[in-house]
Protein backbone atom coordinates (compact mmCIF):
# COMPACT_ATOMS: atom_id res chain seq x y z
CA MET A 1 10.58 -7.76 -32.17
CA GLN A 2 12.58 -10.71 -30.87
CA LYS A 3 15.82 -9.14 -32.04
CA ARG A 4 14.95 -5.83 -30.43
CA TYR A 5 13.91 -7.13 -27.00
CA GLY A 6 15.88 -10.40 -26.89
CA TRP A 7 18.63 -8.87 -24.74
CA TRP A 8 16.04 -7.61 -22.25
CA CYS A 9 14.38 -11.06 -22.00
CA SER A 10 17.72 -12.76 -21.45
CA ASP A 11 18.58 -10.34 -18.65
CA LEU A 12 15.18 -10.96 -17.10
CA ARG A 13 15.67 -14.75 -17.16
CA ARG A 14 19.14 -14.36 -15.67
CA TYR A 15 17.75 -12.16 -12.89
CA ALA A 16 14.99 -14.71 -12.22
CA ARG A 17 17.56 -17.51 -11.90
CA HIS A 18 19.58 -15.33 -9.53
CA ARG A 19 16.57 -14.61 -7.30
CA THR A 20 15.46 -18.25 -7.18
CA GLY A 21 18.97 -19.71 -6.84
CA PRO A 22 20.67 -20.97 -3.69
CA ALA A 23 20.37 -19.01 -0.46
CA ARG A 24 22.77 -16.11 -0.19
CA THR A 25 23.76 -16.94 3.32
CA GLY A 26 24.97 -20.42 2.31
CA SER A 27 27.16 -21.82 -0.43
CA ARG A 28 26.52 -20.84 -4.04
CA ALA A 29 27.61 -24.25 -5.36
CA PRO A 30 24.90 -25.97 -7.41
CA HIS A 31 23.09 -28.87 -5.77
CA HIS A 32 23.06 -32.17 -7.72
CA GLY A 33 20.66 -35.00 -7.18
CA PRO A 34 17.10 -35.17 -5.89
CA PRO A 35 16.18 -33.04 -2.87
CA LYS A 36 16.49 -34.70 0.49
CA PRO A 37 13.20 -35.48 2.20
CA HIS A 38 12.41 -33.36 5.25
CA HIS A 39 10.90 -35.10 8.24
CA GLY A 40 9.10 -33.29 11.00
CA PRO A 41 7.22 -29.98 11.08
CA PRO A 42 8.35 -27.24 8.69
CA ALA A 43 10.79 -24.71 10.09
CA PRO A 44 9.11 -21.40 10.95
CA HIS A 45 9.88 -18.58 8.59
CA ASP A 46 11.70 -15.78 10.33
CA PRO A 47 11.44 -12.42 8.59
CA THR A 48 14.37 -11.19 10.68
CA GLU A 49 16.89 -13.65 9.21
CA ARG A 50 19.81 -12.27 7.25
CA GLY A 51 18.52 -13.80 4.01
CA ALA A 52 18.15 -11.58 1.01
CA ALA A 53 19.76 -8.37 2.16
CA PRO A 54 18.86 -6.33 -0.94
CA GLY A 55 15.20 -5.39 -0.81
CA ASP A 56 14.89 -6.43 2.83
CA ARG A 57 11.48 -5.58 4.23
CA ARG A 58 12.95 -4.35 7.49
CA SER A 59 14.71 -1.50 5.71
CA TYR A 60 11.38 -0.36 4.31
CA GLY A 61 9.74 -1.02 7.68
CA LEU A 62 12.19 1.21 9.53
CA ALA A 63 11.92 3.89 6.85
CA ARG A 64 8.13 3.76 7.06
CA TYR A 65 8.31 3.86 10.87
CA THR A 66 10.64 6.87 10.83
CA ALA A 67 8.63 8.76 8.20
CA GLY A 68 5.41 8.18 10.11
CA ALA A 69 7.04 9.23 13.39
CA VAL A 70 8.37 12.46 11.87
CA ALA A 71 4.97 13.32 10.38
CA ALA A 72 2.94 12.52 13.50
CA ARG A 73 5.34 14.17 15.94
CA THR A 74 5.76 17.27 13.79
CA GLY A 75 1.99 17.61 13.66
CA ASP A 76 1.82 17.13 17.43
CA GLU A 77 4.49 19.77 18.07
CA MET A 78 2.71 22.07 15.63
CA SER A 79 -0.73 21.58 17.20
CA GLY A 80 0.10 23.32 20.49
CA PRO A 81 1.14 26.72 19.08
CA ALA A 82 -1.50 26.42 16.34
CA LEU A 83 -4.32 25.87 18.84
CA LEU A 84 -3.03 28.72 20.96
CA LEU A 85 -2.99 31.09 18.00
CA ALA A 86 -6.36 29.86 16.70
CA GLY A 87 -8.01 30.25 20.10
CA LEU A 88 -6.62 33.75 20.46
CA ALA A 89 -7.76 34.72 16.94
CA ALA A 90 -11.26 33.23 17.31
CA THR A 91 -12.13 34.39 20.83
CA GLY A 92 -9.79 37.32 21.40
CA SER A 93 -9.11 36.04 24.92
CA ALA A 94 -5.67 34.90 26.00
CA VAL A 95 -7.24 33.12 28.97
CA THR A 96 -9.47 31.00 26.73
CA ALA A 97 -6.58 30.14 24.43
CA SER A 98 -4.29 29.13 27.30
CA THR A 99 -7.09 27.12 28.94
CA LEU A 100 -7.61 25.23 25.69
CA LEU A 101 -3.92 24.33 25.50
CA ALA A 102 -3.84 23.40 29.18
CA ALA A 103 -6.80 21.02 28.70
CA VAL A 104 -4.94 19.17 25.95
CA THR A 105 -1.74 18.98 28.02
CA VAL A 106 -3.35 17.79 31.26
CA ALA A 107 -5.41 15.16 29.46
CA ALA A 108 -2.26 13.88 27.71
CA ALA A 109 -0.58 13.47 31.09
CA ALA A 110 -3.57 11.50 32.43
CA GLY A 111 -4.36 9.38 29.38
CA GLY A 112 -0.94 7.82 28.79
CA PRO A 113 -1.21 4.82 31.16
CA LEU A 114 -4.70 3.87 29.93
CA LEU A 115 -3.73 4.07 26.26
CA GLY A 116 -0.60 2.03 26.93
CA ALA A 117 -2.57 -0.67 28.74
CA LEU A 118 -5.00 -0.91 25.82
CA LEU A 119 -2.12 -1.22 23.35
CA ASP A 120 -0.58 -4.01 25.41
CA ARG A 121 -3.89 -5.89 25.56
CA SER A 122 -4.66 -5.48 21.86
CA ALA A 123 -3.97 -8.37 19.48
CA ARG A 124 -3.48 -5.79 16.69
CA PRO A 125 -1.82 -2.77 18.32
CA GLY A 126 -1.16 -1.17 14.94
CA ARG A 127 -4.86 -0.77 14.26
CA LEU A 128 -5.48 0.66 17.71
CA LEU A 129 -2.58 3.08 17.28
CA ALA A 130 -3.86 4.13 13.86
CA GLY A 131 -7.33 4.69 15.31
CA ALA A 132 -5.87 6.83 18.10
CA LEU A 133 -3.96 8.95 15.58
CA ALA A 134 -7.04 9.35 13.39
CA GLY A 135 -9.10 10.33 16.44
CA TYR A 136 -6.45 12.83 17.50
CA ALA A 137 -6.39 14.47 14.07
CA GLY A 138 -10.19 14.54 13.93
CA ALA A 139 -10.41 16.08 17.41
CA LEU A 140 -8.09 18.91 16.33
CA LEU A 141 -10.40 19.70 13.42
CA VAL A 142 -13.48 19.60 15.66
CA ILE A 143 -11.81 22.03 18.07
CA LEU A 144 -11.17 24.39 15.18
CA LEU A 145 -14.81 24.18 14.08
CA CYS A 146 -16.05 24.82 17.63
CA LEU A 147 -13.88 27.87 18.28
CA GLY A 148 -16.06 30.99 18.05
CA ARG A 149 -19.16 28.94 17.09
CA ALA A 150 -19.86 26.83 20.19
CA PRO A 151 -19.65 27.45 23.94
CA ILE A 152 -16.29 26.94 25.58
CA GLY A 153 -17.50 23.93 27.58
CA PRO A 154 -17.98 21.51 24.65
CA THR A 155 -14.79 22.83 23.06
CA LEU A 156 -12.80 22.01 26.19
CA ALA A 157 -14.39 18.54 26.28
CA VAL A 158 -13.14 17.86 22.76
CA ALA A 159 -9.72 19.21 23.77
CA VAL A 160 -9.63 16.74 26.66
CA LEU A 161 -10.45 13.91 24.24
CA ALA A 162 -7.64 15.02 21.93
CA GLY A 163 -5.24 15.08 24.86
CA LEU A 164 -6.21 11.55 25.91
CA LEU A 165 -5.21 10.29 22.46
CA GLY A 166 -2.04 12.39 22.28
CA PRO A 167 0.33 9.87 23.97
CA ALA A 168 -0.09 7.60 20.93
CA VAL A 169 2.26 9.95 19.07
CA ALA A 170 5.10 9.67 21.59
CA GLY A 171 5.22 6.61 23.84
CA GLY A 172 2.69 4.53 21.95
CA TRP A 173 4.64 4.83 18.70
CA THR A 174 8.06 4.23 20.27
CA SER A 175 6.85 1.08 22.04
CA ARG A 176 6.34 -0.56 18.62
CA LEU A 177 9.99 -0.14 17.59
CA PRO A 178 11.15 -3.67 18.64
CA GLY A 179 8.67 -5.10 16.16
CA VAL A 180 10.31 -3.22 13.29
CA VAL A 181 14.04 -3.97 13.67
CA ARG A 182 16.17 -6.83 14.89
CA ALA A 183 17.55 -6.79 18.40
CA ASP A 184 21.12 -6.16 17.22
CA ARG A 185 19.98 -3.00 15.38
CA LEU A 186 17.76 -1.65 18.12
CA ASP A 187 20.38 0.79 19.49
CA ARG A 188 20.81 2.59 16.17
CA ALA A 189 17.07 2.54 15.47
CA ASN A 190 16.49 3.92 18.96
CA THR A 191 18.79 6.86 18.16
CA LEU A 192 16.91 7.50 14.91
CA ASP A 193 13.63 7.41 16.82
CA ALA A 194 14.92 10.02 19.28
CA MET A 195 16.02 12.15 16.34
CA THR A 196 12.41 12.27 15.14
CA PHE A 197 11.50 14.08 18.36
CA ASN A 198 14.31 16.60 17.78
CA THR A 199 13.23 17.09 14.17
CA ALA A 200 9.62 17.61 15.22
CA GLY A 201 10.66 20.03 17.95
CA LEU A 202 12.58 22.03 15.34
CA LEU A 203 10.00 21.98 12.53
CA GLY A 204 6.72 22.06 14.47
CA PRO A 205 6.85 25.60 15.95
CA LEU A 206 8.39 26.99 12.74
CA LEU A 207 5.61 25.49 10.61
CA ALA A 208 2.95 26.71 13.03
CA GLY A 209 4.26 30.27 13.07
CA GLY A 210 4.90 30.41 9.32
CA THR A 211 1.55 28.93 8.35
CA ALA A 212 -0.33 31.20 10.77
CA LEU A 213 1.54 34.22 9.40
CA PHE A 214 0.87 33.57 5.72
CA ALA A 215 -2.41 31.57 5.75
CA GLY A 216 -4.02 32.14 9.14
CA ALA A 217 -4.11 30.32 12.48
CA GLY A 218 -6.96 28.05 11.38
CA THR A 219 -4.91 26.78 8.45
CA ALA A 220 -2.09 25.98 10.87
CA VAL A 221 -4.45 23.71 12.85
CA VAL A 222 -5.57 22.01 9.63
CA VAL A 223 -1.97 21.38 8.57
CA SER A 224 -1.10 19.93 11.99
CA ALA A 225 -4.10 17.57 11.82
CA ALA A 226 -3.14 16.55 8.27
CA LEU A 227 0.41 15.70 9.38
CA VAL A 228 -0.91 13.50 12.18
CA ALA A 229 -3.34 11.78 9.80
CA THR A 230 -0.51 11.14 7.33
CA ALA A 231 1.03 8.72 9.85
CA VAL A 232 -2.08 6.50 9.99
CA PRO A 233 -1.02 4.16 7.12
CA ALA A 234 2.40 3.65 8.72
CA ALA A 235 0.77 2.90 12.09
CA LEU A 236 -1.31 0.12 10.54
CA HIS A 237 1.88 -1.82 9.80
CA LEU A 238 3.24 -1.58 13.35
CA THR A 239 3.01 -4.88 15.23
CA GLY A 240 4.13 -6.24 18.56
CA PRO A 241 7.76 -6.99 19.48
CA ARG A 242 9.46 -9.82 17.65
CA PRO A 243 10.35 -12.96 19.57
CA ARG A 244 13.81 -12.84 21.05
CA THR A 245 14.83 -16.36 20.00
CA LEU A 246 13.59 -18.54 17.19
CA PRO A 247 14.15 -22.27 16.74
CA SER A 248 16.75 -23.20 14.17
CA ALA A 249 15.71 -25.04 11.04
CA SER A 250 18.40 -27.69 11.60
CA ALA A 251 17.44 -28.34 15.21
CA PRO A 252 15.44 -31.54 15.63
CA ALA A 253 11.96 -31.22 16.99
CA LYS A 254 11.63 -32.37 20.54
CA ALA A 255 9.13 -35.09 21.19
CA PRO A 256 6.43 -34.11 23.65
CA VAL A 257 6.85 -35.57 27.11
CA PRO A 258 3.80 -37.68 28.03
CA PRO A 259 2.15 -36.63 31.27
CA ALA A 260 2.35 -38.82 34.32
CA PRO A 261 -0.54 -41.29 34.63
CA ALA A 262 -3.19 -40.19 37.03
CA GLU A 263 -6.35 -41.75 38.36
CA ALA A 264 -9.48 -40.89 36.50
CA PRO A 265 -11.75 -38.53 38.45
CA SER A 266 -14.98 -39.98 39.68
CA GLY A 267 -17.04 -36.87 39.07
CA PRO A 268 -18.21 -35.31 35.79
CA PRO A 269 -15.59 -33.96 33.34
CA PRO A 270 -14.52 -30.36 33.86
CA ALA A 271 -16.27 -27.67 31.86
CA PRO A 272 -14.32 -26.04 29.00
CA ALA A 273 -12.73 -22.63 29.44
CA ARG A 274 -15.17 -19.80 28.99
CA GLU A 275 -12.65 -17.29 27.74
CA ALA A 276 -12.32 -17.23 23.98
CA GLY A 277 -8.85 -18.08 22.81
CA THR A 278 -7.80 -19.75 26.08
CA GLY A 279 -7.23 -23.42 26.66
CA PRO A 280 -8.27 -25.51 29.60
CA GLY A 281 -6.51 -24.47 32.75
CA THR A 282 -5.51 -21.04 31.38
CA PRO A 283 -6.37 -18.25 33.82
CA PRO A 284 -8.59 -15.46 32.50
CA ARG A 285 -6.98 -12.27 31.32
CA PRO A 286 -6.56 -9.64 34.06
CA SER A 287 -8.67 -6.53 33.97
CA VAL A 288 -7.46 -3.16 32.73
CA ARG A 289 -7.24 -1.90 36.32
CA THR A 290 -5.03 -4.84 37.26
CA GLU A 291 -2.74 -4.25 34.30
CA LEU A 292 -2.55 -0.53 35.09
CA ALA A 293 -1.42 -1.40 38.61
CA ALA A 294 1.07 -3.91 37.17
CA GLY A 295 2.56 -1.23 34.92
CA PHE A 296 3.08 1.24 37.75
CA ARG A 297 4.46 -1.56 39.91
CA ALA A 298 6.91 -2.56 37.18
CA ILE A 299 8.21 1.01 36.96
CA ALA A 300 8.51 1.31 40.73
CA GLU A 301 10.12 -2.08 41.39
CA THR A 302 12.51 -2.36 38.44
CA GLY A 303 15.61 -0.50 39.64
CA PRO A 304 17.02 0.91 36.37
CA LEU A 305 13.54 1.79 35.14
CA SER A 306 12.50 3.59 38.31
CA ARG A 307 15.76 5.55 38.51
CA ALA A 308 15.62 6.57 34.85
CA THR A 309 11.97 7.61 35.20
CA ALA A 310 12.61 9.68 38.34
CA SER A 311 15.60 11.36 36.71
CA SER A 312 13.71 12.15 33.49
CA VAL A 313 10.75 13.66 35.37
CA LEU A 314 13.04 15.95 37.42
CA SER A 315 14.97 16.88 34.30
CA CYS A 316 11.76 17.76 32.47
CA ALA A 317 10.85 20.08 35.34
CA GLY A 318 14.12 21.94 34.75
CA GLN A 319 13.43 22.08 31.01
CA GLY A 320 9.99 23.54 31.70
CA ALA A 321 11.65 26.27 33.76
CA PHE A 322 13.98 27.07 30.86
CA LEU A 323 11.00 27.35 28.48
CA VAL A 324 9.48 30.00 30.73
CA CYS A 325 12.79 31.88 30.88
CA ALA A 326 13.34 31.82 27.09
CA PRO A 327 11.28 34.99 26.31
CA PHE A 328 13.08 36.88 29.10
CA LEU A 329 16.44 35.80 27.70
CA GLY A 330 15.41 37.00 24.25
CA ALA A 331 14.14 40.36 25.50
CA GLN A 332 16.74 41.22 28.15
CA VAL A 333 19.89 39.61 26.72
CA LEU A 334 19.43 39.24 22.95
CA GLY A 335 17.40 42.40 22.41
CA ASP A 336 14.03 41.02 21.24
CA PRO A 337 11.45 38.67 22.79
CA GLY A 338 11.20 36.77 19.51
CA HIS A 339 14.84 35.78 19.83
CA GLY A 340 13.81 33.51 22.67
CA THR A 341 12.07 31.34 20.08
CA LEU A 342 15.33 31.24 18.14
CA LEU A 343 17.01 29.87 21.27
CA LEU A 344 14.53 27.00 21.28
CA SER A 345 15.37 26.33 17.63
CA VAL A 346 19.09 26.31 18.50
CA VAL A 347 18.41 23.77 21.26
CA ALA A 348 16.45 21.50 18.90
CA ALA A 349 19.08 21.73 16.14
CA SER A 350 21.88 20.97 18.59
CA ALA A 351 19.99 17.94 19.94
CA LEU A 352 19.45 16.67 16.40
CA ALA A 353 23.15 17.06 15.59
CA ALA A 354 24.20 15.32 18.82
CA ASN A 355 21.98 12.32 18.08
CA ALA A 356 23.21 12.20 14.48
CA LEU A 357 26.80 11.97 15.73
CA SER A 358 25.96 9.33 18.32
CA ALA A 359 24.19 7.23 15.68
CA ARG A 360 27.52 6.80 13.87
CA ARG A 361 29.12 5.06 16.84
CA ARG A 362 29.40 1.32 16.42
CA LYS A 363 29.49 0.55 20.13
CA PRO A 364 27.49 3.05 22.21
CA PRO A 365 28.25 3.39 25.93
CA ARG A 366 25.92 2.18 28.65
CA PRO A 367 22.66 4.15 28.61
CA GLU A 368 22.88 4.81 32.37
CA THR A 369 26.24 6.52 31.85
CA VAL A 370 24.89 8.60 28.97
CA LEU A 371 21.78 9.56 30.95
CA ALA A 372 23.81 10.76 33.94
CA ALA A 373 26.37 12.65 31.83
CA SER A 374 23.77 14.33 29.64
CA THR A 375 21.71 15.44 32.66
CA ALA A 376 24.85 16.91 34.27
CA LEU A 377 25.52 18.73 30.97
CA LEU A 378 22.02 20.22 31.14
CA ALA A 379 22.78 21.56 34.60
CA ALA A 380 26.02 23.16 33.35
CA ALA A 381 24.21 24.70 30.36
CA LEU A 382 21.52 26.30 32.52
CA ALA A 383 24.13 27.59 34.96
CA LEU A 384 25.99 29.13 32.01
CA MET A 385 22.82 30.86 30.83
CA ALA A 386 22.28 32.28 34.30
CA THR A 387 25.33 34.52 33.79
CA TYR A 388 23.16 36.58 31.39
CA HIS A 389 25.97 37.19 28.90
CA PRO A 390 24.92 36.98 25.22
CA LEU A 391 27.68 34.57 24.20
CA ALA A 392 27.10 32.49 27.33
CA VAL A 393 23.37 32.30 26.57
CA VAL A 394 23.95 31.09 22.99
CA ALA A 395 26.63 28.63 24.11
CA GLY A 396 24.32 27.41 26.86
CA ALA A 397 21.56 26.77 24.29
CA VAL A 398 23.98 24.68 22.20
CA LEU A 399 25.06 22.69 25.26
CA LEU A 400 21.45 22.27 26.31
CA GLY A 401 20.60 20.63 23.01
CA ALA A 402 23.77 18.52 23.11
CA GLY A 403 22.52 17.12 26.41
CA GLU A 404 18.84 16.73 25.55
CA GLY A 405 19.42 14.60 22.45
CA PRO A 406 21.54 11.80 23.99
CA GLN A 407 19.46 11.98 27.18
CA LEU A 408 16.29 11.02 25.32
CA THR A 409 18.11 8.28 23.41
CA ALA A 410 19.49 6.78 26.62
CA LEU A 411 16.09 6.92 28.29
CA PHE A 412 14.50 5.03 25.40
CA ALA A 413 17.29 2.44 25.50
CA ILE A 414 16.67 1.77 29.20
CA ARG A 415 12.93 1.44 28.65
CA HIS A 416 13.36 -0.95 25.74
CA ARG A 417 15.80 -3.05 27.75
CA GLU A 418 13.91 -3.20 31.04
CA ALA A 419 10.25 -3.06 30.04
CA PRO A 420 8.42 -6.42 30.15
CA GLU A 421 6.98 -7.44 26.80
CA ARG A 422 3.41 -7.55 28.06
CA LEU A 423 3.69 -4.03 29.59
CA ARG A 424 5.95 -2.34 27.04
CA ALA A 425 3.47 0.18 25.64
CA GLN A 426 2.21 1.07 29.11
CA ILE A 427 5.78 1.66 30.35
CA PHE A 428 6.42 4.09 27.48
CA THR A 429 3.13 5.97 27.65
CA THR A 430 3.24 6.20 31.45
CA GLY A 431 6.79 7.51 31.31
CA ALA A 432 5.75 10.11 28.73
CA SER A 433 2.80 11.17 30.90
CA LEU A 434 5.04 11.57 33.94
CA LYS A 435 7.47 13.67 31.92
CA ILE A 436 4.64 15.92 30.72
CA THR A 437 3.54 16.35 34.33
CA GLY A 438 7.06 17.24 35.44
CA PHE A 439 7.42 19.71 32.58
CA ALA A 440 4.13 21.43 33.50
CA VAL A 441 5.02 21.61 37.20
CA GLY A 442 8.45 23.07 36.44
CA ALA A 443 6.99 25.67 34.09
CA ALA A 444 4.30 26.66 36.60
CA ALA A 445 6.79 26.95 39.46
CA ALA A 446 9.29 28.95 37.40
CA GLY A 447 6.74 31.50 36.17
CA PRO A 448 6.64 33.78 39.25
CA LEU A 449 10.35 33.24 39.85
CA ALA A 450 11.25 34.26 36.29
CA ALA A 451 9.04 37.34 36.52
CA HIS A 452 11.01 38.41 39.59
CA SER A 453 14.52 37.43 38.43
CA PRO A 454 15.23 35.22 35.38
CA PRO A 455 18.83 34.45 36.49
CA ILE A 456 17.52 33.05 39.77
CA ALA A 457 14.99 30.94 37.87
CA LEU A 458 17.74 29.57 35.62
CA THR A 459 19.90 28.82 38.66
CA ALA A 460 17.01 26.96 40.26
CA ALA A 461 16.54 24.99 37.02
CA ALA A 462 20.25 24.05 37.09
CA ILE A 463 19.86 22.83 40.67
CA VAL A 464 16.88 20.71 39.65
CA GLN A 465 19.00 19.14 36.90
CA LEU A 466 21.68 18.30 39.46
CA LEU A 467 19.01 16.70 41.63
CA ALA A 468 18.00 14.64 38.59
CA VAL A 469 21.49 13.10 38.53
CA LEU A 470 21.15 11.75 42.09
CA PRO A 471 18.68 8.90 41.32
CA LEU A 472 21.12 7.57 38.72
CA SER A 473 23.84 6.99 41.32
CA GLY A 474 21.94 4.11 42.99
CA ARG A 475 22.93 0.48 42.86
CA GLY A 476 21.34 -1.94 40.44
CA ARG A 477 18.89 -3.57 42.86
CA ARG A 478 15.17 -3.58 43.17
CA ARG A 479 13.39 -2.26 46.19
CA ASP A 480 12.80 -5.77 47.45
CA GLY A 481 16.55 -6.44 47.48
CA ARG A 482 16.74 -8.54 44.31
CA MET A 483 18.90 -7.68 41.36
CA GLY A 484 17.10 -5.80 38.60
CA ARG A 485 16.93 -7.35 35.18
CA ARG A 486 20.20 -6.79 33.27
CA ASP A 487 21.59 -4.72 36.14
CA ARG A 488 24.62 -6.71 37.18
CA GLY A 489 23.71 -10.16 35.95
CA THR A 490 20.51 -12.10 35.82
CA THR A 491 21.57 -15.36 37.45
CA PRO A 492 19.62 -15.80 40.70
CA VAL A 493 21.28 -16.91 43.88
CA THR A 494 20.59 -20.59 44.34
CA ASN A 495 22.43 -21.32 47.54
CA THR A 496 24.35 -19.56 50.28
CA PRO A 497 28.02 -20.46 50.85
CA PRO A 498 28.83 -21.70 54.35
CA GLY A 499 29.96 -19.04 56.76
CA ARG A 500 27.96 -16.22 55.15
CA PRO A 501 24.68 -14.77 56.37
CA PRO A 502 21.75 -15.53 54.11
CA CYS A 503 20.59 -12.86 51.66
CA SER A 504 17.48 -10.87 52.34
CA ALA A 505 16.05 -11.92 48.96
CA PRO A 506 14.38 -15.30 48.74
CA THR A 507 16.61 -17.88 47.12
CA THR A 508 15.42 -20.25 44.46
CA SER A 509 16.08 -23.95 44.53
CA PRO A 510 15.22 -26.50 41.86
CA THR A 511 12.50 -28.98 42.63
CA PRO A 512 12.47 -32.58 41.39
CA ASP A 513 10.33 -31.65 38.38
CA GLY A 514 12.79 -28.95 37.25
CA SER A 515 10.74 -25.91 38.33
CA ARG A 516 11.70 -23.24 40.85
CA SER A 517 10.23 -23.04 44.28
CA ALA A 518 10.33 -19.25 44.52
CA SER A 519 8.26 -16.94 42.35
CA LYS A 520 9.69 -15.24 39.28
CA GLU A 521 10.75 -11.65 39.24
CA THR A 522 8.17 -9.10 38.36
CA GLY A 523 8.40 -7.91 34.79
CA ASN A 524 10.59 -10.68 33.35
């Protein structure tokens, strides 16, 4: 036995010595002599250090994040057509089916800010996100059970509940990305995250139509709920953003500065803080309403964030108009209404390919530049489709996807860069809700116009995309006149040179104790 397995045991001992040897980031020379004593508190362990590269947990964390995002977002994209087909099959009424889908969509637009605020307040956002996904999947199954067996009122109420939990799939999931990867890998991970939306947009409708064709519309709803539920284990591992800077192990610990002596108060000692988890003198946590207002205020007052949000909402209105025109393009230009669905698949595949190419770039351009260029490309693609030539329509669909993919990536990059840590989830879910609203408004406005003349509707959509470029041409300042974070530098103005008029923004000046006299910027 020893002769047979001796070579395996020797390899195992050699591997154990290799794993427990000197750190890979330092020298591999053996250390002689007794270990040096370490004085002071132990250095905090940073899981984001470049230690053992093989078997790094972050690689598995990003893979788990991406797999969960693909599953949840594919199920979400599949649920809309599946519910529409199931409602039509169970009730025989197109009005009931469309009302069911509209209830889910409107509730998703309204529930994003509230879900984001709850995620920001939660000490374990992964559990809350997993609960929202499980509730969303369960609500889809309840809707299926209610169709044809219960009145339409309770069914619509369940649809509204499902819509309120829907933003967890999009903005809620993306807001957890900084807790998965290091800051220097966030750009590439952000591109991969945007590719999950393109993959879901490509696979979701195809799976819904294929499953409904071969197994029935009800089975399509079950499959969509199962895909969303598959992402629950991955959501449990999603945490908050990692700290930006960590103390070095070699840096000496700073001694605490003793407070200045003060006279003892004559009255009774102050009562301890009533809030659990807060020390004396810590203000109580603001209410949900206050944090909701803070999230909207952060979007409105942070220059790059407000401009990117306004541009994305207008651009989504143009995309909603194109969605309405797709069946007309398939019927009148390509010869069959079903070919309009193929155009949507071409757009999704082109967006996926564009993001795959951009992920290979080592140094991506500024996200503001990408956002403006991609939105202008969307306007050119829609104008090309308005010519109503078959080759122009197909080429326009390819260009449309080539613009949509990098546009979403750039929008996520701006949100990750500008969103305050305490409002990150709310910024993402609110932005997603605003985009859903813009998409619905554009689709509703383009419906009568497309019924009258699809080329005119496509031209109007191209004009809306051009209008979406205008907010991106603004300067990098907030509405109150101060520079936005990471716009053109973050150093505040501390004094005014002689001979120049003072700035409209309040200047900050150091006080004797080292603090600043003016208040900090909102969202930093």
